[in-house]
PDB file of all heavy atoms in Angstrom:
ATOM      1  N   LYS A   1       3.182-151.518 -41.797  1.00  0.00           N
ATOM      2  CA  LYS A   1       3.140-150.248 -41.136  1.00  0.00           C
ATOM      3  C   LYS A   1       1.723-149.729 -41.140  1.00  0.00           C
ATOM      4  O   LYS A   1       1.260-149.023 -40.135  1.00  0.00           O
ATOM      5  CB  LYS A   1       4.127-149.273 -41.759  1.00  0.00           C
ATOM      6  CG  LYS A   1       5.530-149.628 -41.669  1.00  0.00           C
ATOM      7  CD  LYS A   1       6.462-148.623 -42.377  1.00  0.00           C
ATOM      8  CE  LYS A   1       7.995-148.911 -42.189  1.00  0.00           C
ATOM      9  NZ  LYS A   1       8.877-148.090 -42.927  1.00  0.00           N
ATOM     10  N   ARG A   2       1.017-149.892 -42.179  1.00  0.00           N
ATOM     11  CA  ARG A   2      -0.387-149.418 -42.264  1.00  0.00           C
ATOM     12  C   ARG A   2      -1.352-150.070 -41.265  1.00  0.00           C
ATOM     13  O   ARG A   2      -2.189-149.479 -40.659  1.00  0.00           O
ATOM     14  CB  ARG A   2      -0.986-149.606 -43.628  1.00  0.00           C
ATOM     15  CG  ARG A   2      -2.342-148.876 -43.896  1.00  0.00           C
ATOM     16  CD  ARG A   2      -3.111-149.365 -45.046  1.00  0.00           C
ATOM     17  NE  ARG A   2      -2.264-149.373 -46.289  1.00  0.00           N
ATOM     18  CZ  ARG A   2      -2.797-149.770 -47.482  1.00  0.00           C
ATOM     19  NH1 ARG A   2      -4.064-150.184 -47.547  1.00  0.00           N
ATOM     20  NH2 ARG A   2      -2.021-149.721 -48.586  1.00  0.00           N
ATOM     21  N   TYR A   3      -1.052-151.350 -41.003  1.00  0.00           N
ATOM     22  CA  TYR A   3      -2.046-152.177 -40.143  1.00  0.00           C
ATOM     23  C   TYR A   3      -1.466-152.360 -38.749  1.00  0.00           C
ATOM     24  O   TYR A   3      -2.123-153.007 -37.873  1.00  0.00           O
ATOM     25  CB  TYR A   3      -2.371-153.491 -40.799  1.00  0.00           C
ATOM     26  CG  TYR A   3      -3.321-153.333 -41.919  1.00  0.00           C
ATOM     27  CD1 TYR A   3      -2.932-153.157 -43.225  1.00  0.00           C
ATOM     28  CD2 TYR A   3      -4.686-153.390 -41.724  1.00  0.00           C
ATOM     29  CE1 TYR A   3      -3.807-153.011 -44.234  1.00  0.00           C
ATOM     30  CE2 TYR A   3      -5.625-153.251 -42.762  1.00  0.00           C
ATOM     31  CZ  TYR A   3      -5.194-153.041 -43.942  1.00  0.00           C
ATOM     32  OH  TYR A   3      -6.017-152.895 -45.010  1.00  0.00           O
ATOM     33  N   ASP A   4      -0.301-151.813 -38.461  1.00  0.00           N
ATOM     34  CA  ASP A   4       0.256-151.834 -37.079  1.00  0.00           C
ATOM     35  C   ASP A   4      -0.422-150.638 -36.366  1.00  0.00           C
ATOM     36  O   ASP A   4       0.167-149.564 -36.203  1.00  0.00           O
ATOM     37  CB  ASP A   4       1.776-151.600 -37.126  1.00  0.00           C
ATOM     38  CG  ASP A   4       2.398-151.599 -35.822  1.00  0.00           C
ATOM     39  OD1 ASP A   4       1.759-152.014 -34.892  1.00  0.00           O
ATOM     40  OD2 ASP A   4       3.563-151.025 -35.711  1.00  0.00           O
ATOM     41  N   ALA A   5      -1.601-150.925 -35.892  1.00  0.00           N
ATOM     42  CA  ALA A   5      -2.441-149.828 -35.342  1.00  0.00           C
ATOM     43  C   ALA A   5      -1.859-149.132 -34.059  1.00  0.00           C
ATOM     44  O   ALA A   5      -1.990-147.874 -34.036  1.00  0.00           O
ATOM     45  CB  ALA A   5      -3.839-150.404 -34.992  1.00  0.00           C
ATOM     46  N   ASP A   6      -1.116-149.844 -33.246  1.00  0.00           N
ATOM     47  CA  ASP A   6      -0.648-149.297 -32.061  1.00  0.00           C
ATOM     48  C   ASP A   6       0.762-148.739 -32.239  1.00  0.00           C
ATOM     49  O   ASP A   6       1.430-148.189 -31.293  1.00  0.00           O
ATOM     50  CB  ASP A   6      -0.653-150.169 -30.867  1.00  0.00           C
ATOM     51  CG  ASP A   6      -0.027-151.537 -31.168  1.00  0.00           C
ATOM     52  OD1 ASP A   6       0.708-151.668 -32.195  1.00  0.00           O
ATOM     53  OD2 ASP A   6      -0.193-152.480 -30.401  1.00  0.00           O
ATOM     54  N   GLY A   7       1.383-148.954 -33.458  1.00  0.00           N
ATOM     55  CA  GLY A   7       2.678-148.383 -33.750  1.00  0.00           C
ATOM     56  C   GLY A   7       3.832-148.996 -32.953  1.00  0.00           C
ATOM     57  O   GLY A   7       4.912-148.331 -32.810  1.00  0.00           O
ATOM     58  N   ASP A   8       3.677-150.287 -32.544  1.00  0.00           N
ATOM     59  CA  ASP A   8       4.755-150.902 -31.654  1.00  0.00           C
ATOM     60  C   ASP A   8       5.664-151.785 -32.526  1.00  0.00           C
ATOM     61  O   ASP A   8       6.433-152.511 -31.943  1.00  0.00           O
ATOM     62  CB  ASP A   8       4.152-151.763 -30.572  1.00  0.00           C
ATOM     63  CG  ASP A   8       3.339-152.926 -31.071  1.00  0.00           C
ATOM     64  OD1 ASP A   8       3.050-153.000 -32.231  1.00  0.00           O
ATOM     65  OD2 ASP A   8       3.017-153.806 -30.260  1.00  0.00           O
ATOM     66  N   SER A   9       5.581-151.682 -33.808  1.00  0.00           N
ATOM     67  CA  SER A   9       6.437-152.416 -34.829  1.00  0.00           C
ATOM     68  C   SER A   9       6.293-153.945 -34.631  1.00  0.00           C
ATOM     69  O   SER A   9       7.236-154.671 -34.832  1.00  0.00           O
ATOM     70  CB  SER A   9       7.889-151.985 -34.599  1.00  0.00           C
ATOM     71  OG  SER A   9       8.061-150.623 -34.827  1.00  0.00           O
ATOM     72  N   ALA A  10       5.087-154.347 -34.352  1.00  0.00           N
ATOM     73  CA  ALA A  10       4.773-155.771 -34.167  1.00  0.00           C
ATOM     74  C   ALA A  10       3.301-155.945 -34.329  1.00  0.00           C
ATOM     75  O   ALA A  10       2.484-155.092 -34.011  1.00  0.00           O
ATOM     76  CB  ALA A  10       5.179-156.336 -32.797  1.00  0.00           C
ATOM     77  N   PHE A  11       2.906-157.120 -34.984  1.00  0.00           N
ATOM     78  CA  PHE A  11       1.537-157.503 -35.117  1.00  0.00           C
ATOM     79  C   PHE A  11       1.051-158.342 -33.994  1.00  0.00           C
ATOM     80  O   PHE A  11       1.523-159.368 -33.846  1.00  0.00           O
ATOM     81  CB  PHE A  11       1.391-158.306 -36.399  1.00  0.00           C
ATOM     82  CG  PHE A  11       1.185-157.389 -37.705  1.00  0.00           C
ATOM     83  CD1 PHE A  11       1.346-157.985 -38.967  1.00  0.00           C
ATOM     84  CD2 PHE A  11       0.682-156.115 -37.594  1.00  0.00           C
ATOM     85  CE1 PHE A  11       1.124-157.197 -40.059  1.00  0.00           C
ATOM     86  CE2 PHE A  11       0.457-155.360 -38.707  1.00  0.00           C
ATOM     87  CZ  PHE A  11       0.677-155.951 -40.008  1.00  0.00           C
ATOM     88  N   CYS A  12       0.067-157.797 -33.214  1.00  0.00           N
ATOM     89  CA  CYS A  12      -0.623-158.729 -32.271  1.00  0.00           C
ATOM     90  C   CYS A  12      -1.696-159.473 -33.011  1.00  0.00           C
ATOM     91  O   CYS A  12      -1.977-159.301 -34.274  1.00  0.00           O
ATOM     92  CB  CYS A  12      -1.228-157.848 -31.158  1.00  0.00           C
ATOM     93  SG  CYS A  12      -2.541-156.723 -31.670  1.00  0.00           S
ATOM     94  N   GLN A  13      -2.372-160.305 -32.291  1.00  0.00           N
ATOM     95  CA  GLN A  13      -3.391-161.155 -33.009  1.00  0.00           C
ATOM     96  C   GLN A  13      -4.536-160.330 -33.556  1.00  0.00           C
ATOM     97  O   GLN A  13      -5.021-160.646 -34.667  1.00  0.00           O
ATOM     98  CB  GLN A  13      -3.970-162.196 -31.981  1.00  0.00           C
ATOM     99  CG  GLN A  13      -4.859-163.270 -32.671  1.00  0.00           C
ATOM    100  CD  GLN A  13      -4.149-163.997 -33.702  1.00  0.00           C
ATOM    101  OE1 GLN A  13      -3.035-164.596 -33.472  1.00  0.00           O
ATOM    102  NE2 GLN A  13      -4.723-164.176 -34.939  1.00  0.00           N
ATOM    103  N   ASP A  14      -4.964-159.247 -32.878  1.00  0.00           N
ATOM    104  CA  ASP A  14      -6.073-158.464 -33.470  1.00  0.00           C
ATOM    105  C   ASP A  14      -5.640-157.763 -34.729  1.00  0.00           C
ATOM    106  O   ASP A  14      -6.438-157.725 -35.702  1.00  0.00           O
ATOM    107  CB  ASP A  14      -6.504-157.355 -32.444  1.00  0.00           C
ATOM    108  CG  ASP A  14      -7.256-157.920 -31.285  1.00  0.00           C
ATOM    109  OD1 ASP A  14      -7.738-159.146 -31.397  1.00  0.00           O
ATOM    110  OD2 ASP A  14      -7.370-157.311 -30.232  1.00  0.00           O
ATOM    111  N   GLU A  15      -4.324-157.285 -34.805  1.00  0.00           N
ATOM    112  CA  GLU A  15      -3.880-156.681 -35.989  1.00  0.00           C
ATOM    113  C   GLU A  15      -3.711-157.667 -37.157  1.00  0.00           C
ATOM    114  O   GLU A  15      -3.988-157.385 -38.260  1.00  0.00           O
ATOM    115  CB  GLU A  15      -2.499-155.977 -35.669  1.00  0.00           C
ATOM    116  CG  GLU A  15      -2.743-154.766 -34.806  1.00  0.00           C
ATOM    117  CD  GLU A  15      -1.423-154.281 -34.192  1.00  0.00           C
ATOM    118  OE1 GLU A  15      -0.417-155.026 -34.132  1.00  0.00           O
ATOM    119  OE2 GLU A  15      -1.346-153.065 -33.788  1.00  0.00           O
ATOM    120  N   LEU A  16      -3.337-158.943 -36.852  1.00  0.00           N
ATOM    121  CA  LEU A  16      -3.276-160.006 -37.789  1.00  0.00           C
ATOM    122  C   LEU A  16      -4.733-160.260 -38.335  1.00  0.00           C
ATOM    123  O   LEU A  16      -4.841-160.419 -39.566  1.00  0.00           O
ATOM    124  CB  LEU A  16      -2.574-161.283 -37.210  1.00  0.00           C
ATOM    125  CG  LEU A  16      -1.101-161.244 -37.067  1.00  0.00           C
ATOM    126  CD1 LEU A  16      -0.643-162.459 -36.256  1.00  0.00           C
ATOM    127  CD2 LEU A  16      -0.393-161.174 -38.469  1.00  0.00           C
ATOM    128  N   ASP A  17      -5.569-160.422 -37.399  1.00  0.00           N
ATOM    129  CA  ASP A  17      -6.987-160.677 -37.861  1.00  0.00           C
ATOM    130  C   ASP A  17      -7.485-159.527 -38.746  1.00  0.00           C
ATOM    131  O   ASP A  17      -8.218-159.819 -39.721  1.00  0.00           O
ATOM    132  CB  ASP A  17      -7.864-160.811 -36.627  1.00  0.00           C
ATOM    133  CG  ASP A  17      -7.601-162.056 -35.857  1.00  0.00           C
ATOM    134  OD1 ASP A  17      -6.898-163.086 -36.413  1.00  0.00           O
ATOM    135  OD2 ASP A  17      -7.949-162.172 -34.635  1.00  0.00           O
ATOM    136  N   ASN A  18      -7.099-158.363 -38.421  1.00  0.00           N
ATOM    137  CA  ASN A  18      -7.632-157.201 -39.259  1.00  0.00           C
ATOM    138  C   ASN A  18      -7.115-157.203 -40.681  1.00  0.00           C
ATOM    139  O   ASN A  18      -7.791-157.098 -41.605  1.00  0.00           O
ATOM    140  CB  ASN A  18      -7.135-155.929 -38.500  1.00  0.00           C
ATOM    141  CG  ASN A  18      -7.752-154.627 -39.218  1.00  0.00           C
ATOM    142  OD1 ASN A  18      -8.890-154.733 -39.786  1.00  0.00           O
ATOM    143  ND2 ASN A  18      -7.060-153.541 -39.146  1.00  0.00           N
ATOM    144  N   ILE A  19      -5.828-157.400 -40.767  1.00  0.00           N
ATOM    145  CA  ILE A  19      -5.234-157.445 -42.162  1.00  0.00           C
ATOM    146  C   ILE A  19      -5.733-158.636 -43.003  1.00  0.00           C
ATOM    147  O   ILE A  19      -6.050-158.550 -44.130  1.00  0.00           O
ATOM    148  CB  ILE A  19      -3.733-157.312 -42.145  1.00  0.00           C
ATOM    149  CG1 ILE A  19      -3.191-157.215 -43.611  1.00  0.00           C
ATOM    150  CG2 ILE A  19      -3.049-158.516 -41.445  1.00  0.00           C
ATOM    151  CD1 ILE A  19      -1.717-156.928 -43.652  1.00  0.00           C
ATOM    152  N   PHE A  20      -5.802-159.829 -42.341  1.00  0.00           N
ATOM    153  CA  PHE A  20      -6.150-161.005 -43.090  1.00  0.00           C
ATOM    154  C   PHE A  20      -7.659-161.157 -43.282  1.00  0.00           C
ATOM    155  O   PHE A  20      -8.137-162.004 -43.970  1.00  0.00           O
ATOM    156  CB  PHE A  20      -5.600-162.256 -42.333  1.00  0.00           C
ATOM    157  CG  PHE A  20      -4.193-162.524 -42.662  1.00  0.00           C
ATOM    158  CD1 PHE A  20      -3.223-162.302 -41.652  1.00  0.00           C
ATOM    159  CD2 PHE A  20      -3.808-162.981 -43.889  1.00  0.00           C
ATOM    160  CE1 PHE A  20      -1.893-162.494 -41.913  1.00  0.00           C
ATOM    161  CE2 PHE A  20      -2.446-163.155 -44.098  1.00  0.00           C
ATOM    162  CZ  PHE A  20      -1.461-162.990 -43.164  1.00  0.00           C
ATOM    163  N   SER A  21      -8.454-160.155 -42.672  1.00  0.00           N
ATOM    164  CA  SER A  21      -9.836-160.101 -43.026  1.00  0.00           C
ATOM    165  C   SER A  21     -10.153-159.657 -44.485  1.00  0.00           C
ATOM    166  O   SER A  21     -11.202-159.797 -44.983  1.00  0.00           O
ATOM    167  CB  SER A  21     -10.617-159.171 -42.072  1.00  0.00           C
ATOM    168  OG  SER A  21     -10.197-157.878 -42.281  1.00  0.00           O
ATOM    169  N   LEU A  22      -9.089-159.104 -45.142  1.00  0.00           N
ATOM    170  CA  LEU A  22      -9.114-158.780 -46.544  1.00  0.00           C
ATOM    171  C   LEU A  22      -9.086-160.005 -47.395  1.00  0.00           C
ATOM    172  O   LEU A  22      -9.223-159.966 -48.590  1.00  0.00           O
ATOM    173  CB  LEU A  22      -8.004-157.815 -46.888  1.00  0.00           C
ATOM    174  CG  LEU A  22      -7.976-156.409 -46.276  1.00  0.00           C
ATOM    175  CD1 LEU A  22      -6.685-155.756 -46.506  1.00  0.00           C
ATOM    176  CD2 LEU A  22      -9.105-155.592 -46.841  1.00  0.00           C
ATOM    177  N   SER A  23      -8.763-161.128 -46.787  1.00  0.00           N
ATOM    178  CA  SER A  23      -8.498-162.316 -47.568  1.00  0.00           C
ATOM    179  C   SER A  23      -9.271-163.495 -46.943  1.00  0.00           C
ATOM    180  O   SER A  23      -9.970-163.283 -45.945  1.00  0.00           O
ATOM    181  CB  SER A  23      -6.981-162.641 -47.482  1.00  0.00           C
ATOM    182  OG  SER A  23      -6.628-163.017 -46.128  1.00  0.00           O
ATOM    183  N   PRO A  24      -9.119-164.779 -47.487  1.00  0.00           N
ATOM    184  CA  PRO A  24      -9.805-165.887 -46.834  1.00  0.00           C
ATOM    185  C   PRO A  24      -9.259-166.243 -45.533  1.00  0.00           C
ATOM    186  O   PRO A  24      -9.827-167.083 -44.752  1.00  0.00           O
ATOM    187  CB  PRO A  24      -9.496-167.061 -47.829  1.00  0.00           C
ATOM    188  CG  PRO A  24      -9.213-166.308 -49.147  1.00  0.00           C
ATOM    189  CD  PRO A  24      -8.484-165.122 -48.838  1.00  0.00           C
ATOM    190  N   GLY A  25      -8.124-165.655 -45.119  1.00  0.00           N
ATOM    191  CA  GLY A  25      -7.583-165.936 -43.747  1.00  0.00           C
ATOM    192  C   GLY A  25      -6.043-166.162 -43.801  1.00  0.00           C
ATOM    193  O   GLY A  25      -5.381-166.085 -44.774  1.00  0.00           O
ATOM    194  N   ILE A  26      -5.457-166.483 -42.630  1.00  0.00           N
ATOM    195  CA  ILE A  26      -4.002-166.642 -42.547  1.00  0.00           C
ATOM    196  C   ILE A  26      -3.647-167.946 -43.264  1.00  0.00           C
ATOM    197  O   ILE A  26      -4.215-169.049 -42.958  1.00  0.00           O
ATOM    198  CB  ILE A  26      -3.623-166.659 -41.089  1.00  0.00           C
ATOM    199  CG1 ILE A  26      -3.848-165.376 -40.402  1.00  0.00           C
ATOM    200  CG2 ILE A  26      -2.136-167.019 -40.937  1.00  0.00           C
ATOM    201  CD1 ILE A  26      -3.591-165.399 -38.866  1.00  0.00           C
ATOM    202  N   PRO A  27      -2.716-167.873 -44.154  1.00  0.00           N
ATOM    203  CA  PRO A  27      -2.363-169.126 -44.932  1.00  0.00           C
ATOM    204  C   PRO A  27      -1.434-170.089 -44.323  1.00  0.00           C
ATOM    205  O   PRO A  27      -1.134-171.093 -44.867  1.00  0.00           O
ATOM    206  CB  PRO A  27      -1.768-168.512 -46.244  1.00  0.00           C
ATOM    207  CG  PRO A  27      -1.115-167.259 -45.759  1.00  0.00           C
ATOM    208  CD  PRO A  27      -1.998-166.699 -44.700  1.00  0.00           C
ATOM    209  N   TRP A  28      -0.963-169.785 -43.063  1.00  0.00           N
ATOM    210  CA  TRP A  28       0.089-170.625 -42.458  1.00  0.00           C
ATOM    211  C   TRP A  28      -0.343-171.276 -41.188  1.00  0.00           C
ATOM    212  O   TRP A  28       0.468-171.579 -40.332  1.00  0.00           O
ATOM    213  CB  TRP A  28       1.330-169.680 -42.184  1.00  0.00           C
ATOM    214  CG  TRP A  28       1.769-168.795 -43.288  1.00  0.00           C
ATOM    215  CD1 TRP A  28       2.153-169.221 -44.558  1.00  0.00           C
ATOM    216  CD2 TRP A  28       1.768-167.377 -43.241  1.00  0.00           C
ATOM    217  NE1 TRP A  28       2.470-168.139 -45.304  1.00  0.00           N
ATOM    218  CE2 TRP A  28       2.246-166.984 -44.488  1.00  0.00           C
ATOM    219  CE3 TRP A  28       1.512-166.411 -42.293  1.00  0.00           C
ATOM    220  CZ2 TRP A  28       2.382-165.622 -44.930  1.00  0.00           C
ATOM    221  CZ3 TRP A  28       1.635-165.067 -42.671  1.00  0.00           C
ATOM    222  CH2 TRP A  28       2.065-164.683 -43.893  1.00  0.00           C
ATOM    223  N   LYS A  29      -1.628-171.507 -41.066  1.00  0.00           N
ATOM    224  CA  LYS A  29      -2.189-172.041 -39.774  1.00  0.00           C
ATOM    225  C   LYS A  29      -1.600-173.406 -39.504  1.00  0.00           C
ATOM    226  O   LYS A  29      -1.377-173.836 -38.374  1.00  0.00           O
ATOM    227  CB  LYS A  29      -3.662-172.086 -39.842  1.00  0.00           C
ATOM    228  CG  LYS A  29      -4.331-170.759 -39.704  1.00  0.00           C
ATOM    229  CD  LYS A  29      -5.781-170.847 -39.677  1.00  0.00           C
ATOM    230  CE  LYS A  29      -6.431-169.483 -39.566  1.00  0.00           C
ATOM    231  NZ  LYS A  29      -7.964-169.512 -39.535  1.00  0.00           N
ATOM    232  N   ARG A  30      -1.235-174.157 -40.538  1.00  0.00           N
ATOM    233  CA  ARG A  30      -0.639-175.542 -40.372  1.00  0.00           C
ATOM    234  C   ARG A  30       0.836-175.396 -39.986  1.00  0.00           C
ATOM    235  O   ARG A  30       1.415-176.451 -39.620  1.00  0.00           O
ATOM    236  CB  ARG A  30      -0.839-176.387 -41.638  1.00  0.00           C
ATOM    237  CG  ARG A  30      -2.371-176.692 -41.906  1.00  0.00           C
ATOM    238  CD  ARG A  30      -2.449-177.603 -43.140  1.00  0.00           C
ATOM    239  NE  ARG A  30      -3.830-177.924 -43.455  1.00  0.00           N
ATOM    240  CZ  ARG A  30      -4.183-178.641 -44.473  1.00  0.00           C
ATOM    241  NH1 ARG A  30      -3.259-179.163 -45.273  1.00  0.00           N
ATOM    242  NH2 ARG A  30      -5.491-178.948 -44.626  1.00  0.00           N
ATOM    243  N   GLY A  31       1.444-174.311 -40.218  1.00  0.00           N
ATOM    244  CA  GLY A  31       2.820-174.140 -39.916  1.00  0.00           C
ATOM    245  C   GLY A  31       3.178-173.519 -38.622  1.00  0.00           C
ATOM    246  O   GLY A  31       4.265-172.959 -38.422  1.00  0.00           O
TER     247      GLY A  31
END
């Protein structure tokens, strides 16, 4: 809810990139 910037109850790619910038990246790229 905090990183759902547009409030549409879904993560677009930009929102995913934003939250995972706190970490080394998305851990499921191979999946």
